[in-house]
Amino acid sequence: MTKTSTSKTNVNLQNHSMFQPRTDIESDAEIDLFYDQIKSKLDRLAKNPQDETINKILAYSRSK
């Protein structure tokens, strides 16, 4: 029979200080402002893709 175990310390996990939650309200406002500025452009891309974009997607799907 094979015995298995799991380490209590995850060696693949990076330093926990990198994963601190954001508390900066100003950066949330900046993100919202940025999204509001590009939202119409993103909507337009989704509704009216350029022929070049469609051709790239088709070429990629055929290569798989």
PDB file of N, CA and C in Angstrom:
ATOM      1  N   MET A   1       0.836  -1.164   0.000  1.00  0.00           N
ATOM      2  CA  MET A   1       0.000   0.000   0.000  1.00  0.00           C
ATOM      3  C   MET A   1       0.890   1.238   0.000  1.00  0.00           C
ATOM      4  N   THR A   2       0.459   2.284  -0.725  1.00  0.00           N
ATOM      5  CA  THR A   2       1.222   3.524  -0.826  1.00  0.00           C
ATOM      6  C   THR A   2       0.710   4.521   0.194  1.00  0.00           C
ATOM      7  N   LYS A   3       1.624   5.131   0.886  1.00  0.00           N
ATOM      8  CA  LYS A   3       1.255   6.146   1.865  1.00  0.00           C
ATOM      9  C   LYS A   3       1.509   7.525   1.253  1.00  0.00           C
ATOM     10  N   THR A   4       0.517   8.389   1.322  1.00  0.00           N
ATOM     11  CA  THR A   4       0.670   9.748   0.791  1.00  0.00           C
ATOM     12  C   THR A   4       0.438  10.753   1.898  1.00  0.00           C
ATOM     13  N   SER A   5       0.979  11.936   1.696  1.00  0.00           N
ATOM     14  CA  SER A   5       0.760  13.007   2.672  1.00  0.00           C
ATOM     15  C   SER A   5       0.841  14.351   1.969  1.00  0.00           C
ATOM     16  N   THR A   6       0.333  15.356   2.618  1.00  0.00           N
ATOM     17  CA  THR A   6       0.365  16.710   2.095  1.00  0.00           C
ATOM     18  C   THR A   6       1.085  17.595   3.094  1.00  0.00           C
ATOM     19  N   SER A   7       1.998  18.391   2.564  1.00  0.00           N
ATOM     20  CA  SER A   7       2.756  19.288   3.412  1.00  0.00           C
ATOM     21  C   SER A   7       1.854  20.401   3.948  1.00  0.00           C
ATOM     22  N   LYS A   8       2.071  20.796   5.181  1.00  0.00           N
ATOM     23  CA  LYS A   8       1.293  21.893   5.750  1.00  0.00           C
ATOM     24  C   LYS A   8       1.800  23.247   5.283  1.00  0.00           C
ATOM     25  N   THR A   9       3.010  23.289   4.778  1.00  0.00           N
ATOM     26  CA  THR A   9       3.544  24.532   4.222  1.00  0.00           C
ATOM     27  C   THR A   9       3.635  24.364   2.721  1.00  0.00           C
ATOM     28  N   ASN A  10       3.022  25.268   2.004  1.00  0.00           N
ATOM     29  CA  ASN A  10       3.001  25.194   0.547  1.00  0.00           C
ATOM     30  C   ASN A  10       4.265  25.843   0.008  1.00  0.00           C
ATOM     31  N   VAL A  11       5.145  25.070  -0.574  1.00  0.00           N
ATOM     32  CA  VAL A  11       6.406  25.602  -1.076  1.00  0.00           C
ATOM     33  C   VAL A  11       6.225  26.383  -2.364  1.00  0.00           C
ATOM     34  N   ASN A  12       5.111  26.202  -3.040  1.00  0.00           N
ATOM     35  CA  ASN A  12       4.866  26.929  -4.283  1.00  0.00           C
ATOM     36  C   ASN A  12       4.245  28.298  -4.055  1.00  0.00           C
ATOM     37  N   LEU A  13       3.780  28.557  -2.877  1.00  0.00           N
ATOM     38  CA  LEU A  13       3.151  29.831  -2.578  1.00  0.00           C
ATOM     39  C   LEU A  13       4.207  30.889  -2.339  1.00  0.00           C
ATOM     40  N   GLN A  14       4.058  32.028  -3.026  1.00  0.00           N
ATOM     41  CA  GLN A  14       5.022  33.106  -2.875  1.00  0.00           C
ATOM     42  C   GLN A  14       4.787  33.848  -1.568  1.00  0.00           C
ATOM     43  N   ASN A  15       5.618  34.801  -1.313  1.00  0.00           N
ATOM     44  CA  ASN A  15       5.567  35.600  -0.097  1.00  0.00           C
ATOM     45  C   ASN A  15       4.163  36.177   0.121  1.00  0.00           C
ATOM     46  N   HIS A  16       3.615  35.986   1.295  1.00  0.00           N
ATOM     47  CA  HIS A  16       2.256  36.452   1.600  1.00  0.00           C
ATOM     48  C   HIS A  16       2.131  37.967   1.566  1.00  0.00           C
ATOM     49  N   SER A  17       3.211  38.700   1.739  1.00  0.00           N
ATOM     50  CA  SER A  17       3.131  40.163   1.745  1.00  0.00           C
ATOM     51  C   SER A  17       2.734  40.699   0.376  1.00  0.00           C
ATOM     52  N   MET A  18       2.906  39.904  -0.676  1.00  0.00           N
ATOM     53  CA  MET A  18       2.524  40.340  -2.017  1.00  0.00           C
ATOM     54  C   MET A  18       1.014  40.315  -2.211  1.00  0.00           C
ATOM     55  N   PHE A  19       0.300  39.592  -1.374  1.00  0.00           N
ATOM     56  CA  PHE A  19      -1.130  39.383  -1.549  1.00  0.00           C
ATOM     57  C   PHE A  19      -1.963  40.135  -0.512  1.00  0.00           C
ATOM     58  N   GLN A  20      -1.553  41.326  -0.195  1.00  0.00           N
ATOM     59  CA  GLN A  20      -2.310  42.112   0.778  1.00  0.00           C
ATOM     60  C   GLN A  20      -3.533  42.718   0.098  1.00  0.00           C
ATOM     61  N   PRO A  21      -4.663  42.734   0.764  1.00  0.00           N
ATOM     62  CA  PRO A  21      -5.859  43.318   0.161  1.00  0.00           C
ATOM     63  C   PRO A  21      -5.705  44.820  -0.031  1.00  0.00           C
ATOM     64  N   ARG A  22      -6.310  45.324  -1.104  1.00  0.00           N
ATOM     65  CA  ARG A  22      -6.234  46.760  -1.374  1.00  0.00           C
ATOM     66  C   ARG A  22      -7.229  47.496  -0.498  1.00  0.00           C
ATOM     67  N   THR A  23      -6.789  48.569   0.064  1.00  0.00           N
ATOM     68  CA  THR A  23      -7.682  49.414   0.851  1.00  0.00           C
ATOM     69  C   THR A  23      -7.682  50.835   0.310  1.00  0.00           C
ATOM     70  N   ASP A  24      -7.030  51.039  -0.817  1.00  0.00           N
ATOM     71  CA  ASP A  24      -6.899  52.365  -1.395  1.00  0.00           C
ATOM     72  C   ASP A  24      -8.146  52.691  -2.215  1.00  0.00           C
ATOM     73  N   ILE A  25      -9.005  53.542  -1.683  1.00  0.00           N
ATOM     74  CA  ILE A  25     -10.256  53.903  -2.355  1.00  0.00           C
ATOM     75  C   ILE A  25      -9.971  54.680  -3.637  1.00  0.00           C
ATOM     76  N   GLU A  26      -8.922  55.483  -3.626  1.00  0.00           N
ATOM     77  CA  GLU A  26      -8.603  56.288  -4.792  1.00  0.00           C
ATOM     78  C   GLU A  26      -8.293  55.403  -6.002  1.00  0.00           C
ATOM     79  N   SER A  27      -7.592  54.295  -5.810  1.00  0.00           N
ATOM     80  CA  SER A  27      -7.278  53.453  -6.956  1.00  0.00           C
ATOM     81  C   SER A  27      -8.536  52.770  -7.488  1.00  0.00           C
ATOM     82  N   ASP A  28      -9.519  52.475  -6.654  1.00  0.00           N
ATOM     83  CA  ASP A  28     -10.788  51.945  -7.151  1.00  0.00           C
ATOM     84  C   ASP A  28     -11.490  52.985  -8.018  1.00  0.00           C
ATOM     85  N   ALA A  29     -11.444  54.238  -7.614  1.00  0.00           N
ATOM     86  CA  ALA A  29     -12.053  55.311  -8.389  1.00  0.00           C
ATOM     87  C   ALA A  29     -11.336  55.476  -9.719  1.00  0.00           C
ATOM     88  N   GLU A  30     -10.016  55.344  -9.708  1.00  0.00           N
ATOM     89  CA  GLU A  30      -9.251  55.455 -10.945  1.00  0.00           C
ATOM     90  C   GLU A  30      -9.595  54.320 -11.903  1.00  0.00           C
ATOM     91  N   ILE A  31      -9.757  53.122 -11.370  1.00  0.00           N
ATOM     92  CA  ILE A  31     -10.115  51.974 -12.202  1.00  0.00           C
ATOM     93  C   ILE A  31     -11.501  52.179 -12.800  1.00  0.00           C
ATOM     94  N   ASP A  32     -12.451  52.649 -12.007  1.00  0.00           N
ATOM     95  CA  ASP A  32     -13.799  52.905 -12.507  1.00  0.00           C
ATOM     96  C   ASP A  32     -13.785  53.971 -13.595  1.00  0.00           C
ATOM     97  N   LEU A  33     -13.007  55.030 -13.399  1.00  0.00           N
ATOM     98  CA  LEU A  33     -12.912  56.101 -14.394  1.00  0.00           C
ATOM     99  C   LEU A  33     -12.320  55.572 -15.688  1.00  0.00           C
ATOM    100  N   PHE A  34     -11.258  54.778 -15.580  1.00  0.00           N
ATOM    101  CA  PHE A  34     -10.634  54.196 -16.762  1.00  0.00           C
ATOM    102  C   PHE A  34     -11.629  53.312 -17.510  1.00  0.00           C
ATOM    103  N   TYR A  35     -12.350  52.471 -16.789  1.00  0.00           N
ATOM    104  CA  TYR A  35     -13.330  51.591 -17.426  1.00  0.00           C
ATOM    105  C   TYR A  35     -14.421  52.404 -18.117  1.00  0.00           C
ATOM    106  N   ASP A  36     -14.894  53.459 -17.471  1.00  0.00           N
ATOM    107  CA  ASP A  36     -15.927  54.293 -18.082  1.00  0.00           C
ATOM    108  C   ASP A  36     -15.431  54.917 -19.388  1.00  0.00           C
ATOM    109  N   GLN A  37     -14.140  55.261 -19.431  1.00  0.00           N
ATOM    110  CA  GLN A  37     -13.578  55.874 -20.631  1.00  0.00           C
ATOM    111  C   GLN A  37     -13.462  54.889 -21.787  1.00  0.00           C
ATOM    112  N   ILE A  38     -13.204  53.625 -21.508  1.00  0.00           N
ATOM    113  CA  ILE A  38     -13.014  52.665 -22.592  1.00  0.00           C
ATOM    114  C   ILE A  38     -14.231  51.785 -22.862  1.00  0.00           C
ATOM    115  N   LYS A  39     -15.259  51.907 -22.042  1.00  0.00           N
ATOM    116  CA  LYS A  39     -16.422  51.023 -22.160  1.00  0.00           C
ATOM    117  C   LYS A  39     -17.063  51.085 -23.542  1.00  0.00           C
ATOM    118  N   SER A  40     -17.268  52.267 -24.076  1.00  0.00           N
ATOM    119  CA  SER A  40     -17.921  52.381 -25.389  1.00  0.00           C
ATOM    120  C   SER A  40     -17.056  51.775 -26.487  1.00  0.00           C
ATOM    121  N   LYS A  41     -15.739  51.911 -26.367  1.00  0.00           N
ATOM    122  CA  LYS A  41     -14.836  51.329 -27.364  1.00  0.00           C
ATOM    123  C   LYS A  41     -14.869  49.805 -27.280  1.00  0.00           C
ATOM    124  N   LEU A  42     -14.937  49.274 -26.068  1.00  0.00           N
ATOM    125  CA  LEU A  42     -15.026  47.821 -25.908  1.00  0.00           C
ATOM    126  C   LEU A  42     -16.343  47.292 -26.461  1.00  0.00           C
ATOM    127  N   ASP A  43     -17.428  48.009 -26.212  1.00  0.00           N
ATOM    128  CA  ASP A  43     -18.727  47.599 -26.736  1.00  0.00           C
ATOM    129  C   ASP A  43     -18.720  47.596 -28.268  1.00  0.00           C
ATOM    130  N   ARG A  44     -18.108  48.608 -28.850  1.00  0.00           N
ATOM    131  CA  ARG A  44     -18.028  48.704 -30.308  1.00  0.00           C
ATOM    132  C   ARG A  44     -17.210  47.542 -30.886  1.00  0.00           C
ATOM    133  N   LEU A  45     -16.129  47.187 -30.216  1.00  0.00           N
ATOM    134  CA  LEU A  45     -15.313  46.065 -30.677  1.00  0.00           C
ATOM    135  C   LEU A  45     -16.098  44.762 -30.657  1.00  0.00           C
ATOM    136  N   ALA A  46     -16.881  44.574 -29.626  1.00  0.00           N
ATOM    137  CA  ALA A  46     -17.650  43.337 -29.498  1.00  0.00           C
ATOM    138  C   ALA A  46     -18.745  43.248 -30.556  1.00  0.00           C
ATOM    139  N   LYS A  47     -19.303  44.372 -30.939  1.00  0.00           N
ATOM    140  CA  LYS A  47     -20.412  44.375 -31.883  1.00  0.00           C
ATOM    141  C   LYS A  47     -19.962  44.453 -33.332  1.00  0.00           C
ATOM    142  N   ASN A  48     -18.859  45.143 -33.606  1.00  0.00           N
ATOM    143  CA  ASN A  48     -18.400  45.349 -34.974  1.00  0.00           C
ATOM    144  C   ASN A  48     -16.907  45.049 -35.095  1.00  0.00           C
ATOM    145  N   PRO A  49     -16.526  43.777 -35.012  1.00  0.00           N
ATOM    146  CA  PRO A  49     -15.101  43.468 -35.122  1.00  0.00           C
ATOM    147  C   PRO A  49     -14.594  43.755 -36.540  1.00  0.00           C
ATOM    148  N   GLN A  50     -13.352  44.142 -36.638  1.00  0.00           N
ATOM    149  CA  GLN A  50     -12.748  44.394 -37.942  1.00  0.00           C
ATOM    150  C   GLN A  50     -12.525  43.067 -38.660  1.00  0.00           C
ATOM    151  N   ASP A  51     -12.467  43.125 -39.999  1.00  0.00           N
ATOM    152  CA  ASP A  51     -12.223  41.917 -40.792  1.00  0.00           C
ATOM    153  C   ASP A  51     -10.904  41.262 -40.401  1.00  0.00           C
ATOM    154  N   GLU A  52      -9.906  42.079 -40.115  1.00  0.00           N
ATOM    155  CA  GLU A  52      -8.601  41.545 -39.720  1.00  0.00           C
ATOM    156  C   GLU A  52      -8.721  40.725 -38.435  1.00  0.00           C
ATOM    157  N   THR A  53      -9.516  41.187 -37.496  1.00  0.00           N
ATOM    158  CA  THR A  53      -9.716  40.465 -36.241  1.00  0.00           C
ATOM    159  C   THR A  53     -10.393  39.125 -36.491  1.00  0.00           C
ATOM    160  N   ILE A  54     -11.410  39.122 -37.321  1.00  0.00           N
ATOM    161  CA  ILE A  54     -12.118  37.888 -37.644  1.00  0.00           C
ATOM    162  C   ILE A  54     -11.176  36.903 -38.332  1.00  0.00           C
ATOM    163  N   ASN A  55     -10.360  37.405 -39.280  1.00  0.00           N
ATOM    164  CA  ASN A  55      -9.427  36.535 -39.989  1.00  0.00           C
ATOM    165  C   ASN A  55      -8.385  35.934 -39.053  1.00  0.00           C
ATOM    166  N   LYS A  56      -7.930  36.712 -38.078  1.00  0.00           N
ATOM    167  CA  LYS A  56      -6.962  36.191 -37.109  1.00  0.00           C
ATOM    168  C   LYS A  56      -7.582  35.087 -36.256  1.00  0.00           C
ATOM    169  N   ILE A  57      -8.823  35.277 -35.864  1.00  0.00           N
ATOM    170  CA  ILE A  57      -9.522  34.266 -35.057  1.00  0.00           C
ATOM    171  C   ILE A  57      -9.717  32.992 -35.868  1.00  0.00           C
ATOM    172  N   LEU A  58     -10.132  33.144 -37.120  1.00  0.00           N
ATOM    173  CA  LEU A  58     -10.326  31.971 -37.980  1.00  0.00           C
ATOM    174  C   LEU A  58      -9.020  31.245 -38.232  1.00  0.00           C
ATOM    175  N   ALA A  59      -7.955  31.981 -38.495  1.00  0.00           N
ATOM    176  CA  ALA A  59      -6.647  31.367 -38.735  1.00  0.00           C
ATOM    177  C   ALA A  59      -6.181  30.611 -37.491  1.00  0.00           C
ATOM    178  N   TYR A  60      -6.393  31.189 -36.331  1.00  0.00           N
ATOM    179  CA  TYR A  60      -5.995  30.535 -35.089  1.00  0.00           C
ATOM    180  C   TYR A  60      -6.795  29.250 -34.895  1.00  0.00           C
ATOM    181  N   SER A  61      -8.101  29.323 -35.145  1.00  0.00           N
ATOM    182  CA  SER A  61      -8.936  28.127 -34.918  1.00  0.00           C
ATOM    183  C   SER A  61      -8.579  27.018 -35.898  1.00  0.00           C
ATOM    184  N   ARG A  62      -8.159  27.378 -37.101  1.00  0.00           N
ATOM    185  CA  ARG A  62      -7.773  26.356 -38.082  1.00  0.00           C
ATOM    186  C   ARG A  62      -6.427  25.732 -37.744  1.00  0.00           C
ATOM    187  N   SER A  63      -5.579  26.485 -37.039  1.00  0.00           N
ATOM    188  CA  SER A  63      -4.243  25.971 -36.710  1.00  0.00           C
ATOM    189  C   SER A  63      -4.278  24.954 -35.569  1.00  0.00           C
ATOM    190  N   LYS A  64      -5.359  24.893 -34.857  1.00  0.00           N
ATOM    191  CA  LYS A  64      -5.471  23.978 -33.708  1.00  0.00           C
ATOM    192  C   LYS A  64      -5.931  22.620 -34.119  1.00  0.00           C
TER     193      LYS A  64
END
